[in-house]
Protein backbone atom coordinates (compact mmCIF):
# COMPACT_ATOMS: atom_id res chain seq x y z
CA MET A 1 0.12 0.29 0.13
CA GLU A 2 0.84 3.70 -0.62
CA LEU A 3 2.06 5.51 2.93
CA PHE A 4 2.61 9.32 2.96
CA ILE A 5 4.06 11.61 5.61
CA ASP A 6 3.59 15.32 6.10
CA PRO A 7 6.50 16.74 7.52
CA ALA A 8 4.81 19.61 9.07
CA ASP A 9 2.17 16.71 10.80
CA GLU A 10 2.50 17.44 14.89
CA ARG A 11 1.93 13.93 15.03
CA GLY A 12 5.35 13.07 14.16
CA LEU A 13 6.46 10.69 11.40
CA THR A 14 5.94 7.14 13.60
CA VAL A 15 2.54 8.03 14.38
CA GLN A 16 1.55 9.04 11.01
CA LEU A 17 2.63 5.70 9.57
CA TYR A 18 1.15 3.93 12.39
CA ASP A 19 -2.10 5.55 11.61
CA GLN A 20 -2.52 4.74 7.74
CA VAL A 21 -1.53 1.18 8.07
CA ARG A 22 -3.96 0.80 11.11
CA GLU A 23 -6.64 2.64 9.26
CA ALA A 24 -5.98 0.66 5.99
CA ILE A 25 -6.64 -2.71 8.07
CA LEU A 26 -9.89 -1.57 9.86
CA ALA A 27 -11.43 -0.49 6.47
CA GLY A 28 -10.30 -3.82 4.93
CA ARG A 29 -8.63 -2.09 2.23
CA ILE A 30 -5.72 -4.76 3.15
CA GLY A 31 -6.56 -8.04 4.63
CA PRO A 32 -5.41 -10.81 6.62
CA GLY A 33 -2.51 -12.25 5.19
CA ASP A 34 -1.58 -9.38 2.77
CA ARG A 35 2.05 -8.68 3.12
CA LEU A 36 3.24 -5.00 3.82
CA ASP A 37 6.36 -3.76 2.48
CA SER A 38 9.48 -4.40 4.00
CA THR A 39 10.75 -1.52 6.46
CA ARG A 40 13.79 -0.75 4.31
CA ARG A 41 11.45 -0.29 0.98
CA VAL A 42 9.19 1.84 2.95
CA ALA A 43 12.00 3.61 4.40
CA ALA A 44 13.81 4.41 0.70
CA GLY A 45 10.42 5.42 -0.84
CA LEU A 46 9.69 7.94 1.91
CA ARG A 47 13.27 8.95 2.13
CA ILE A 48 13.35 8.73 6.35
CA ALA A 49 15.31 6.50 8.76
CA ARG A 50 14.59 2.94 8.59
CA SER A 51 14.47 2.80 12.73
CA THR A 52 11.11 5.24 12.03
CA VAL A 53 9.17 2.68 10.02
CA ALA A 54 10.63 -0.33 12.20
CA GLU A 55 9.04 1.45 15.45
CA ALA A 56 5.42 2.08 13.66
CA TYR A 57 5.94 -1.71 12.93
CA TYR A 58 6.53 -2.48 16.09
CA ARG A 59 3.79 -0.73 17.39
CA LEU A 60 1.46 -2.39 14.89
CA GLY A 61 2.61 -5.98 15.86
CA ALA A 62 2.42 -5.23 19.58
CA GLU A 63 -1.27 -4.38 19.19
CA GLY A 64 -2.12 -7.57 16.84
CA TYR A 65 -2.85 -5.94 13.46
CA ILE A 66 0.56 -7.36 11.90
CA VAL A 67 2.63 -10.41 12.64
CA GLY A 68 6.14 -11.31 11.53
CA ARG A 69 6.95 -14.10 9.47
CA ALA A 70 10.33 -15.76 9.42
CA GLY A 71 12.03 -14.52 6.17
CA GLY A 72 8.35 -13.14 4.98
CA GLY A 73 8.51 -9.97 6.37
CA SER A 74 5.07 -8.90 8.07
CA VAL A 75 1.98 -9.72 7.07
CA VAL A 76 -1.51 -8.08 8.41
CA GLY A 77 -2.80 -10.50 11.20
CA PRO A 78 -6.46 -11.79 11.70
CA VAL A 79 -7.65 -8.64 12.97
CA PRO A 80 -11.72 -8.17 11.77
CA ALA A 81 -12.43 -5.06 9.73
CA VAL A 82 -14.44 -2.72 11.55
CA ALA A 83 -15.34 1.12 10.55
CA PRO A 84 -12.06 3.40 11.49
CA ASP A 85 -12.63 5.97 13.97
CA GLY A 86 -13.09 9.60 13.03
CA PRO A 87 -15.45 10.83 10.16
CA ARG A 88 -15.88 9.11 7.09
CA ARG A 89 -16.45 10.46 3.51
CA THR A 90 -20.19 11.09 2.82
CA SER A 91 -22.25 11.82 -0.12
CA ALA A 92 -24.25 14.22 1.08
CA ARG A 93 -22.27 17.09 0.20
CA LEU A 94 -22.26 15.93 -3.30
CA PRO A 95 -25.85 15.36 -4.26
CA PRO A 96 -26.19 14.58 -8.06
CA VAL A 97 -28.10 17.46 -10.34
CA PRO A 98 -31.75 16.92 -10.61
CA ALA A 99 -31.78 15.71 -14.34
CA VAL A 100 -29.47 12.63 -12.92
CA GLY A 101 -31.03 12.34 -9.47
CA ALA A 102 -34.26 11.47 -11.15
CA ILE A 103 -33.12 8.71 -13.44
CA ARG A 104 -35.29 5.58 -12.90
CA PRO A 105 -33.15 2.28 -13.70
CA TYR A 106 -34.78 0.51 -16.13
CA GLY A 107 -35.98 -3.31 -15.25
CA GLN A 108 -34.90 -5.64 -12.50
CA GLN A 109 -31.85 -5.33 -10.97
CA GLN A 110 -28.73 -7.12 -12.58
CA GLY A 111 -27.68 -9.05 -9.71
CA GLN A 112 -31.06 -10.81 -9.53
CA THR A 113 -31.50 -14.42 -11.06
CA ALA A 114 -34.43 -16.83 -11.86
CA ARG A 115 -34.78 -19.68 -13.32
CA TYR A 116 -37.19 -18.15 -16.21
CA ASP A 117 -36.09 -14.89 -17.13
CA PHE A 118 -38.19 -13.40 -19.90
CA ARG A 119 -36.68 -10.00 -19.38
CA PRO A 120 -36.20 -8.64 -22.86
CA GLY A 121 -32.49 -7.65 -22.59
CA SER A 122 -31.53 -11.32 -21.42
CA LEU A 123 -29.70 -13.91 -23.81
CA ASP A 124 -28.72 -17.51 -23.98
CA PRO A 125 -24.73 -17.34 -23.31
CA ALA A 126 -25.02 -20.72 -24.64
CA LEU A 127 -25.60 -19.37 -28.23
CA PHE A 128 -22.39 -17.02 -28.09
CA PRO A 129 -19.72 -17.98 -30.89
CA THR A 130 -16.86 -18.49 -28.46
CA ALA A 131 -14.35 -20.58 -30.60
CA ASP A 132 -15.05 -18.09 -33.61
CA TRP A 133 -14.58 -14.92 -31.27
CA ARG A 134 -11.54 -16.39 -29.98
CA ARG A 135 -9.95 -17.14 -33.42
CA CYS A 136 -10.60 -13.91 -34.37
CA MET A 137 -9.48 -12.07 -30.88
CA LEU A 138 -5.99 -13.73 -30.58
CA PRO A 139 -4.41 -11.96 -33.34
CA ALA A 140 -5.29 -8.59 -32.10
CA LEU A 141 -3.76 -9.65 -28.75
CA ASP A 142 -0.68 -10.80 -30.18
CA HIS A 143 -0.23 -7.11 -31.77
CA PRO A 144 -1.34 -4.65 -29.43
CA ALA A 145 -1.56 -1.03 -30.17
CA GLY A 146 1.10 1.09 -28.95
CA SER A 147 -1.17 4.28 -29.72
CA TYR A 148 -4.58 5.63 -29.54
CA GLY A 149 -6.92 4.88 -32.44
CA ASP A 150 -9.54 6.89 -34.22
CA PRO A 151 -12.29 8.20 -32.08
CA ALA A 152 -14.76 6.89 -34.90
CA GLY A 153 -13.42 3.54 -35.05
CA SER A 154 -10.76 1.46 -36.96
CA PRO A 155 -10.74 1.87 -40.79
CA ALA A 156 -10.80 -1.64 -41.07
CA LEU A 157 -14.02 -2.31 -38.83
CA ARG A 158 -16.11 0.94 -40.31
CA GLU A 159 -15.23 -0.60 -44.08
CA GLU A 160 -16.55 -3.95 -43.16
CA LEU A 161 -19.66 -2.42 -41.28
CA ALA A 162 -20.16 -0.15 -44.46
CA HIS A 163 -20.56 -3.45 -46.46
CA TRP A 164 -22.46 -5.54 -43.91
CA VAL A 165 -25.22 -3.02 -43.22
CA ALA A 166 -25.77 -2.30 -46.71
CA ARG A 167 -25.84 -6.20 -47.46
CA SER A 168 -28.15 -7.02 -44.26
CA ARG A 169 -30.13 -4.04 -43.52
CA GLY A 170 -30.43 -2.01 -47.24
CA VAL A 171 -28.70 0.87 -45.28
CA LEU A 172 -26.71 3.14 -47.76
CA ALA A 173 -23.32 3.99 -46.29
CA THR A 174 -19.57 4.38 -46.72
CA ALA A 175 -16.79 3.64 -44.56
CA GLU A 176 -16.54 7.54 -43.78
CA GLU A 177 -20.22 7.98 -42.60
CA VAL A 178 -19.79 4.88 -40.29
CA PHE A 179 -19.06 5.64 -36.51
CA VAL A 180 -18.47 2.93 -34.07
CA THR A 181 -20.07 3.07 -30.69
CA ALA A 182 -20.34 1.32 -27.41
CA GLY A 183 -23.87 0.62 -27.88
CA ALA A 184 -27.06 1.96 -29.12
CA GLY A 185 -27.51 4.32 -25.92
CA HIS A 186 -24.03 5.74 -26.53
CA ALA A 187 -24.80 6.29 -29.92
CA VAL A 188 -27.73 8.45 -28.84
CA ASP A 189 -26.02 10.09 -26.01
CA LEU A 190 -23.16 11.28 -28.57
CA ILE A 191 -25.80 12.49 -30.91
CA ALA A 192 -27.74 14.34 -28.63
CA ARG A 193 -24.63 16.03 -27.06
CA ALA A 194 -23.30 16.67 -30.56
CA LEU A 195 -26.67 18.02 -32.17
CA VAL A 196 -29.43 19.21 -29.61
CA PRO A 197 -28.84 22.50 -27.78
CA PRO A 198 -29.21 22.31 -24.08
CA GLY A 199 -32.95 22.52 -23.06
CA SER A 200 -34.24 22.10 -26.26
CA VAL A 201 -37.18 19.75 -26.59
CA VAL A 202 -36.89 15.90 -27.95
CA ALA A 203 -39.77 13.84 -29.19
CA VAL A 204 -39.92 9.98 -28.42
CA GLU A 205 -42.50 7.45 -29.28
CA GLU A 206 -44.95 6.62 -26.34
CA PRO A 207 -44.79 4.32 -25.18
CA GLY A 208 -40.86 3.94 -26.01
CA TYR A 209 -37.69 2.54 -25.08
CA PRO A 210 -37.09 3.72 -20.97
CA PRO A 211 -33.40 3.99 -21.08
CA VAL A 212 -33.33 6.45 -23.70
CA VAL A 213 -36.00 8.25 -22.52
CA GLU A 214 -34.01 8.51 -19.41
CA LEU A 215 -30.81 9.59 -20.99
CA LEU A 216 -32.46 12.42 -23.03
CA HIS A 217 -33.76 13.63 -19.51
CA SER A 218 -30.38 13.45 -17.98
CA HIS A 219 -29.22 16.11 -20.19
CA GLY A 220 -32.29 18.50 -19.39
CA PHE A 221 -34.06 18.64 -22.41
CA THR A 222 -37.81 18.55 -22.25
CA VAL A 223 -38.89 14.99 -23.25
CA ILE A 224 -42.33 14.86 -25.24
CA GLY A 225 -43.97 11.56 -25.54
CA VAL A 226 -45.67 11.19 -29.08
CA PRO A 227 -48.65 8.57 -29.46
CA VAL A 228 -48.02 5.67 -31.96
CA ASP A 229 -50.91 3.89 -33.83
CA ALA A 230 -50.57 1.10 -35.94
CA GLU A 231 -48.63 2.74 -38.43
CA GLY A 232 -46.02 4.00 -36.24
CA ILE A 233 -45.44 7.49 -34.34
CA VAL A 234 -48.26 9.99 -35.29
CA VAL A 235 -46.10 12.69 -37.29
CA ASP A 236 -48.97 15.43 -36.87
CA ALA A 237 -48.51 14.95 -32.79
CA ILE A 238 -44.85 15.58 -32.96
CA PRO A 239 -44.51 18.95 -31.16
CA SER A 240 -43.19 21.76 -33.84
CA GLN A 241 -40.69 22.73 -31.59
CA ALA A 242 -38.78 19.39 -31.41
CA ARG A 243 -34.95 19.36 -31.97
CA LEU A 244 -34.55 15.42 -32.52
CA VAL A 245 -36.85 12.84 -32.88
CA TYR A 246 -36.08 9.10 -31.65
CA VAL A 247 -38.03 6.13 -33.44
CA THR A 248 -37.61 2.52 -33.80
CA PRO A 249 -39.53 2.00 -36.98
CA SER A 250 -38.53 -1.51 -38.02
CA HIS A 251 -40.39 -2.83 -35.23
CA GLN A 252 -41.66 -0.33 -32.56
CA TYR A 253 -40.46 -0.87 -29.08
CA PRO A 254 -42.34 -2.06 -27.31
CA LEU A 255 -45.84 -3.13 -28.85
CA GLY A 256 -43.70 -4.35 -32.01
CA MET A 257 -45.29 -2.94 -35.42
CA PRO A 258 -43.55 -1.35 -38.05
CA MET A 259 -43.80 1.60 -39.15
CA SER A 260 -45.95 2.25 -42.54
CA ARG A 261 -44.35 3.36 -45.55
CA ARG A 262 -46.84 6.26 -45.67
CA ARG A 263 -45.84 6.96 -42.09
CA ARG A 264 -42.30 7.19 -43.07
CA LEU A 265 -42.39 9.60 -45.95
CA GLU A 266 -44.62 11.88 -43.84
CA LEU A 267 -41.96 11.63 -40.64
CA LEU A 268 -39.12 12.76 -43.26
CA ALA A 269 -41.08 15.34 -44.67
CA TRP A 270 -41.81 16.92 -41.39
CA ALA A 271 -37.92 16.34 -40.49
CA ASN A 272 -37.11 18.54 -43.61
CA ARG A 273 -39.75 21.17 -43.16
CA ALA A 274 -38.50 21.41 -38.88
CA ALA A 275 -34.72 21.38 -40.22
CA CYS A 276 -34.78 18.15 -37.09
CA PRO A 277 -32.98 15.43 -36.85
CA ILE A 278 -34.29 11.52 -36.68
CA VAL A 279 -32.41 9.05 -34.56
CA GLU A 280 -33.24 5.41 -36.12
CA ASP A 281 -33.03 3.02 -33.83
CA ASP A 282 -33.35 -0.26 -35.66
CA TYR A 283 -32.75 -2.77 -32.50
CA ASP A 284 -32.89 -6.42 -33.19
CA SER A 285 -33.16 -5.80 -36.82
CA GLU A 286 -31.14 -9.24 -37.46
CA PHE A 287 -33.86 -11.00 -36.22
CA ARG A 288 -36.89 -10.63 -38.47
CA HIS A 289 -39.97 -12.96 -38.64
CA THR A 290 -40.92 -11.76 -42.16
CA ALA A 291 -38.73 -10.58 -45.01
CA ARG A 292 -38.00 -7.00 -44.29
CA PRO A 293 -40.98 -5.20 -45.85
CA LEU A 294 -39.80 -1.63 -45.84
CA GLU A 295 -36.80 0.15 -46.44
CA PRO A 296 -35.01 1.83 -43.72
CA LEU A 297 -35.74 5.58 -42.92
CA GLN A 298 -32.08 6.13 -43.64
CA ARG A 299 -32.56 4.89 -47.08
CA LEU A 300 -35.64 6.93 -47.63
CA ASP A 301 -33.96 9.98 -46.64
CA ALA A 302 -32.61 12.26 -49.50
CA GLU A 303 -31.93 15.00 -47.43
CA GLY A 304 -29.86 13.90 -44.87
CA TRP A 305 -31.83 14.13 -41.40
CA VAL A 306 -31.61 10.33 -40.54
CA LEU A 307 -29.06 9.21 -37.85
CA TYR A 308 -29.17 5.13 -38.16
CA VAL A 309 -28.20 3.40 -34.91
CA GLY A 310 -27.07 -0.21 -34.65
CA THR A 311 -25.72 -2.43 -31.75
CA PHE A 312 -24.17 -6.31 -31.53
CA SER A 313 -25.54 -6.38 -28.11
CA LYS A 314 -28.21 -8.96 -28.57
CA SER A 315 -26.54 -10.50 -32.16
CA LEU A 316 -23.55 -10.92 -30.29
CA SER A 317 -23.23 -10.17 -26.48
CA PRO A 318 -23.97 -7.00 -24.30
CA ALA A 319 -20.54 -7.31 -22.70
CA LEU A 320 -18.71 -6.56 -25.87
CA ARG A 321 -20.14 -2.88 -25.54
CA LEU A 322 -20.43 -2.73 -29.59
CA GLY A 323 -22.11 -0.94 -31.90
CA PHE A 324 -22.68 1.87 -34.66
CA LEU A 325 -24.10 4.83 -36.18
CA VAL A 326 -24.46 5.96 -40.03
CA ALA A 327 -24.33 9.61 -40.13
CA PRO A 328 -24.01 11.97 -42.72
CA LEU A 329 -20.40 13.13 -43.44
CA THR A 330 -21.15 16.81 -42.09
CA VAL A 331 -21.89 15.46 -38.65
CA ILE A 332 -18.85 12.83 -38.11
CA PRO A 333 -16.41 15.45 -37.38
CA ALA A 334 -18.47 16.68 -34.19
CA LEU A 335 -18.87 12.78 -33.19
CA ARG A 336 -14.97 12.32 -33.57
CA ALA A 337 -14.31 15.29 -31.46
CA LEU A 338 -16.87 14.62 -28.98
CA ARG A 339 -15.95 11.04 -28.84
CA GLN A 340 -12.02 12.21 -28.06
CA VAL A 341 -12.58 14.21 -25.16
CA ILE A 342 -15.07 11.26 -23.45
CA ASP A 343 -13.00 8.29 -23.95
CA TRP A 344 -10.70 8.98 -27.29
CA ASN A 345 -11.78 5.96 -28.92
CA PRO A 346 -13.38 2.06 -28.84
CA PRO A 347 -11.31 -0.86 -27.64
CA GLN A 348 -8.87 -1.68 -30.67
CA ALA A 349 -8.84 -5.70 -29.68
CA THR A 350 -12.68 -5.91 -29.94
CA GLN A 351 -12.76 -3.96 -32.90
CA SER A 352 -10.12 -6.10 -34.82
CA ALA A 353 -12.11 -9.08 -33.82
CA LEU A 354 -15.41 -7.73 -34.96
CA ALA A 355 -13.96 -7.02 -38.49
CA ALA A 356 -12.49 -10.34 -38.64
CA MET A 357 -15.81 -12.22 -37.65
CA ILE A 358 -17.51 -10.22 -40.37
CA ARG A 359 -14.98 -10.42 -43.01
CA ASP A 360 -14.42 -14.39 -42.47
CA GLY A 361 -18.02 -14.54 -42.24
CA HIS A 362 -18.29 -15.83 -38.84
CA LEU A 363 -21.01 -13.23 -38.03
CA ASP A 364 -23.37 -14.34 -40.72
CA ARG A 365 -23.09 -18.00 -39.96
CA HIS A 366 -23.78 -17.04 -36.03
CA LEU A 367 -26.66 -15.34 -37.33
CA ARG A 368 -28.15 -17.75 -39.00
CA ARG A 369 -28.03 -20.41 -36.44
CA CYS A 370 -29.44 -17.84 -33.79
CA ARG A 371 -32.31 -17.12 -36.06
CA GLY A 372 -33.27 -20.72 -36.28
CA VAL A 373 -32.78 -21.02 -32.33
CA TYR A 374 -35.10 -17.83 -31.99
CA ALA A 375 -37.72 -18.83 -34.27
CA ARG A 376 -38.37 -22.00 -32.68
CA ARG A 377 -38.51 -20.09 -29.59
CA ARG A 378 -40.72 -17.33 -30.70
CA ARG A 379 -42.98 -19.92 -31.77
CA LEU A 380 -43.10 -21.72 -28.93
CA LEU A 381 -43.70 -18.73 -26.84
CA TRP A 382 -46.61 -17.35 -29.40
CA ASP A 383 -48.20 -20.81 -28.98
CA GLY A 384 -47.79 -21.30 -25.53
CA LEU A 385 -49.21 -17.88 -24.51
CA GLY A 386 -52.25 -18.37 -27.02
CA ALA A 387 -53.18 -21.87 -25.05
CA THR A 388 -52.26 -20.77 -21.50
CA LEU A 389 -53.01 -16.72 -20.99
CA PRO A 390 -56.02 -16.44 -18.93
CA ALA A 391 -58.86 -14.62 -20.68
CA GLY A 392 -58.95 -10.79 -21.46
CA TYR A 393 -55.07 -11.06 -22.03
CA THR A 394 -53.63 -10.39 -25.43
CA ARG A 395 -50.92 -11.10 -27.55
CA LEU A 396 -49.41 -8.48 -29.75
CA PRO A 397 -47.64 -9.93 -33.06
CA ALA A 398 -44.40 -8.41 -33.55
CA VAL A 399 -42.60 -8.40 -37.54
CA ALA A 400 -38.91 -8.62 -36.10
CA GLY A 401 -37.13 -8.98 -32.38
CA LEU A 402 -36.85 -10.90 -29.44
CA HIS A 403 -39.62 -10.09 -26.73
CA ILE A 404 -43.40 -10.47 -27.23
CA ALA A 405 -45.87 -8.03 -25.71
CA VAL A 406 -48.82 -8.94 -23.40
CA VAL A 407 -51.63 -6.53 -23.13
CA ALA A 408 -53.33 -7.20 -19.67
CA PRO A 409 -57.38 -6.43 -19.08
CA GLY A 410 -56.52 -3.50 -16.96
CA LEU A 411 -56.14 -5.25 -13.53
CA GLY A 412 -54.57 -2.51 -11.69
CA GLY A 413 -50.96 -2.99 -13.24
CA GLU A 414 -49.56 -4.75 -9.80
CA PRO A 415 -46.46 -6.30 -10.32
CA LEU A 416 -46.62 -10.08 -10.01
CA ALA A 417 -44.16 -11.48 -7.45
CA HIS A 418 -42.32 -14.86 -8.00
CA THR A 419 -39.08 -15.82 -7.17
CA ASP A 420 -38.73 -18.03 -10.34
CA VAL A 421 -40.08 -15.77 -12.97
CA ARG A 422 -38.93 -12.37 -14.19
CA TYR A 423 -40.60 -10.23 -16.88
CA SER A 424 -40.33 -6.67 -17.63
CA GLU A 425 -43.73 -4.42 -17.49
CA LEU A 426 -45.50 -2.67 -20.38
CA GLY A 427 -46.49 0.04 -18.32
CA ARG A 428 -42.85 1.30 -17.61
CA CYS A 429 -42.34 2.42 -21.17
CA TYR A 430 -44.94 5.02 -20.53
CA ALA A 431 -43.65 8.50 -19.80
CA ALA A 432 -47.21 9.87 -18.66
CA GLU A 433 -50.36 8.43 -18.14
CA PRO A 434 -52.68 6.63 -19.00
CA VAL A 435 -50.69 3.64 -18.80
CA ARG A 436 -51.77 0.37 -20.76
CA ASP A 437 -50.95 -2.91 -18.39
CA GLY A 438 -49.45 -5.55 -19.95
CA PHE A 439 -45.79 -7.33 -19.55
CA LEU A 440 -42.88 -7.85 -21.88
CA LEU A 441 -41.76 -11.62 -22.46
CA GLY A 442 -38.25 -12.18 -24.04
CA PHE A 443 -37.78 -15.53 -25.12
CA ALA A 444 -33.88 -15.04 -26.18
CA GLY A 445 -32.38 -15.85 -22.78
CA ILE A 446 -34.53 -19.16 -21.73
CA PRO A 447 -33.37 -22.64 -23.67
CA THR A 448 -35.95 -23.75 -25.66
CA ALA A 449 -36.33 -27.10 -23.79
CA LEU A 450 -37.22 -24.83 -20.90
CA LEU A 451 -39.69 -22.52 -22.70
CA PRO A 452 -43.08 -24.92 -22.51
CA GLU A 453 -42.73 -25.05 -18.35
CA ALA A 454 -41.74 -21.29 -17.98
CA ILE A 455 -44.78 -20.30 -20.18
CA LYS A 456 -46.92 -22.28 -17.92
CA ALA A 457 -45.30 -20.60 -14.56
CA PHE A 458 -45.93 -17.15 -16.05
CA SER A 459 -49.70 -17.97 -17.09
CA GLY A 460 -49.92 -19.49 -13.76
CA LEU A 461 -48.42 -16.63 -12.03
CA LEU A 462 -51.22 -14.27 -13.88
CA ARG A 463 -53.81 -16.34 -12.70
CA HIS A 464 -52.58 -16.72 -8.88
CA SER A 465 -51.86 -12.70 -8.76
CA ALA A 466 -54.89 -11.51 -10.50
CA PRO A 467 -58.05 -11.75 -8.08
CA GLU A 468 -60.38 -11.45 -10.81
CA LEU A 469 -59.16 -14.56 -12.49
CA ARG A 470 -58.55 -16.94 -9.50
CA GLY A 471 -62.18 -18.66 -10.63
CA GLN A 472 -60.89 -19.42 -13.62
CA ARG A 473 -57.89 -21.43 -12.30
C-alpha cells in the first residue's frame, strides 16, 4: 500500500505511518495475510530513517494488527475489519444534479437471477460463438496497439460495417459515414450532445424505450412522448419545436409493429420542414420473423436528416459493448471530436476481432444459427401464450425482435411477485398517463427445452395474482 508523510504534521512520522496502516486494516483495504512492504523499502521510498518505520511496525505488531513471518516480512494479522474511528466520507455534500438524480433504472437489478428470465435484455450465453470470437481475438492480442486509435473507430471495422449494413439491412453507407460506438445508448448520447442545444424539446415514441427516455432527460431536455398507432409514430402529434426525434421504425419498441411506408415518408417530410434530425434505432433488426417489408428511413432520406443506430448487444453479446451509427459526413467530425474528449476511442482489440468476424463470415453464420433457434423459441412462446393466457390477455404480434408484448385487461398493473419468474412491465415504457397494463416477455434468454414450463409458470402466476381470474384457474 502507498504510505505518505507530512513533515509539518505535529503527530510525528512514526504516528503518521502507524495511523495509515491501522486505518487501512480496519477499513478492509488490506486484509489478513496481505504482505506489507519491508521497512527498508518504505524507508527508501519516503526518504526517512528505517528505524522510524520499524518503530511503527513494532507498535502495530504489539497490538495484533500485523504479524512477522520468518524470512517473509510482515503480514496483516487476523484482525476483523471494522469502521475506523473519526469522520467518514459521505455523499451528502455531493448530490447529483436534479436531471441525473431523477433517473429511474430500467428493469430488475442485474444481480437478480431466476429460473425463467423473460426480461427482453436477457440472452442465452450458450449461443455465443466462443470459438470463432477467440480465433478472431487472438491476433489482435498478439499485436497490441501502441497508440490511441481513431475516435470514430478503426478504418478496417468501419469498412466492414459499411458493407455489412448495406447487404443485411439495406442501409446506404460508406466507411467514412460509419461511427463505432459502445452500443445504441452511447450512439444516442453522442448525437444528443453533438446536435441538440441544451434545454431543447426532444420527441420520443409513447410508449417507448425507457433507457433512451431517461438518457435524454439526463441532458436536461424536455422529453415529449408522441403517441403511436398501428402505422407507427403519429407525425401530426410531434411538437413543432422538437430538435430531435427518436423512433424505432422497423418494429416499434415495445409494441412490435413496423412503421408504414406512408408514415415514414410523412416523418421525413416533417423533418425536412422542421430542420430536425431523426434517430432511427434499428434494434434487433437481425432477427426478423418476416422478410424486411420496408426500406430503412435512412435509405429513404434524401436530405440527410436521419442518423441510423445499430448494436451488437443482442446479435453477439452486451458484454462486448459494440455498436455503430451511420451519420451524414458533415456530422462525423463533431462526433469524432466529442468521442475523443470522453474516452478517446473504442477498444481496439475488440474492433479488430469484430472486423474479422464480419470479413471471414463468422458473424453471418452465427446469425443464421441464432435465427433458427430464436424462431423456434418465438413460435413456442407465441403458441404457448395463446393456449395458457387467462381470458382478457392479448398477445401483440411483432415482425421482428426477441420479445412479445402481452396486454393485460386492466387489472391495476400491480407487479407480479415470483422468485422463479422475471419479466418486464409494459407500463414502465410509458412516460405519462394513461398507462397500458401488460408485460414484455423476451424469449432469447430461456433455453428452448425450458420454454414450455416457463410459459406455464408465467401464466399460472397471472391466474394466482389477479383476483378477478382466480375462479378461472
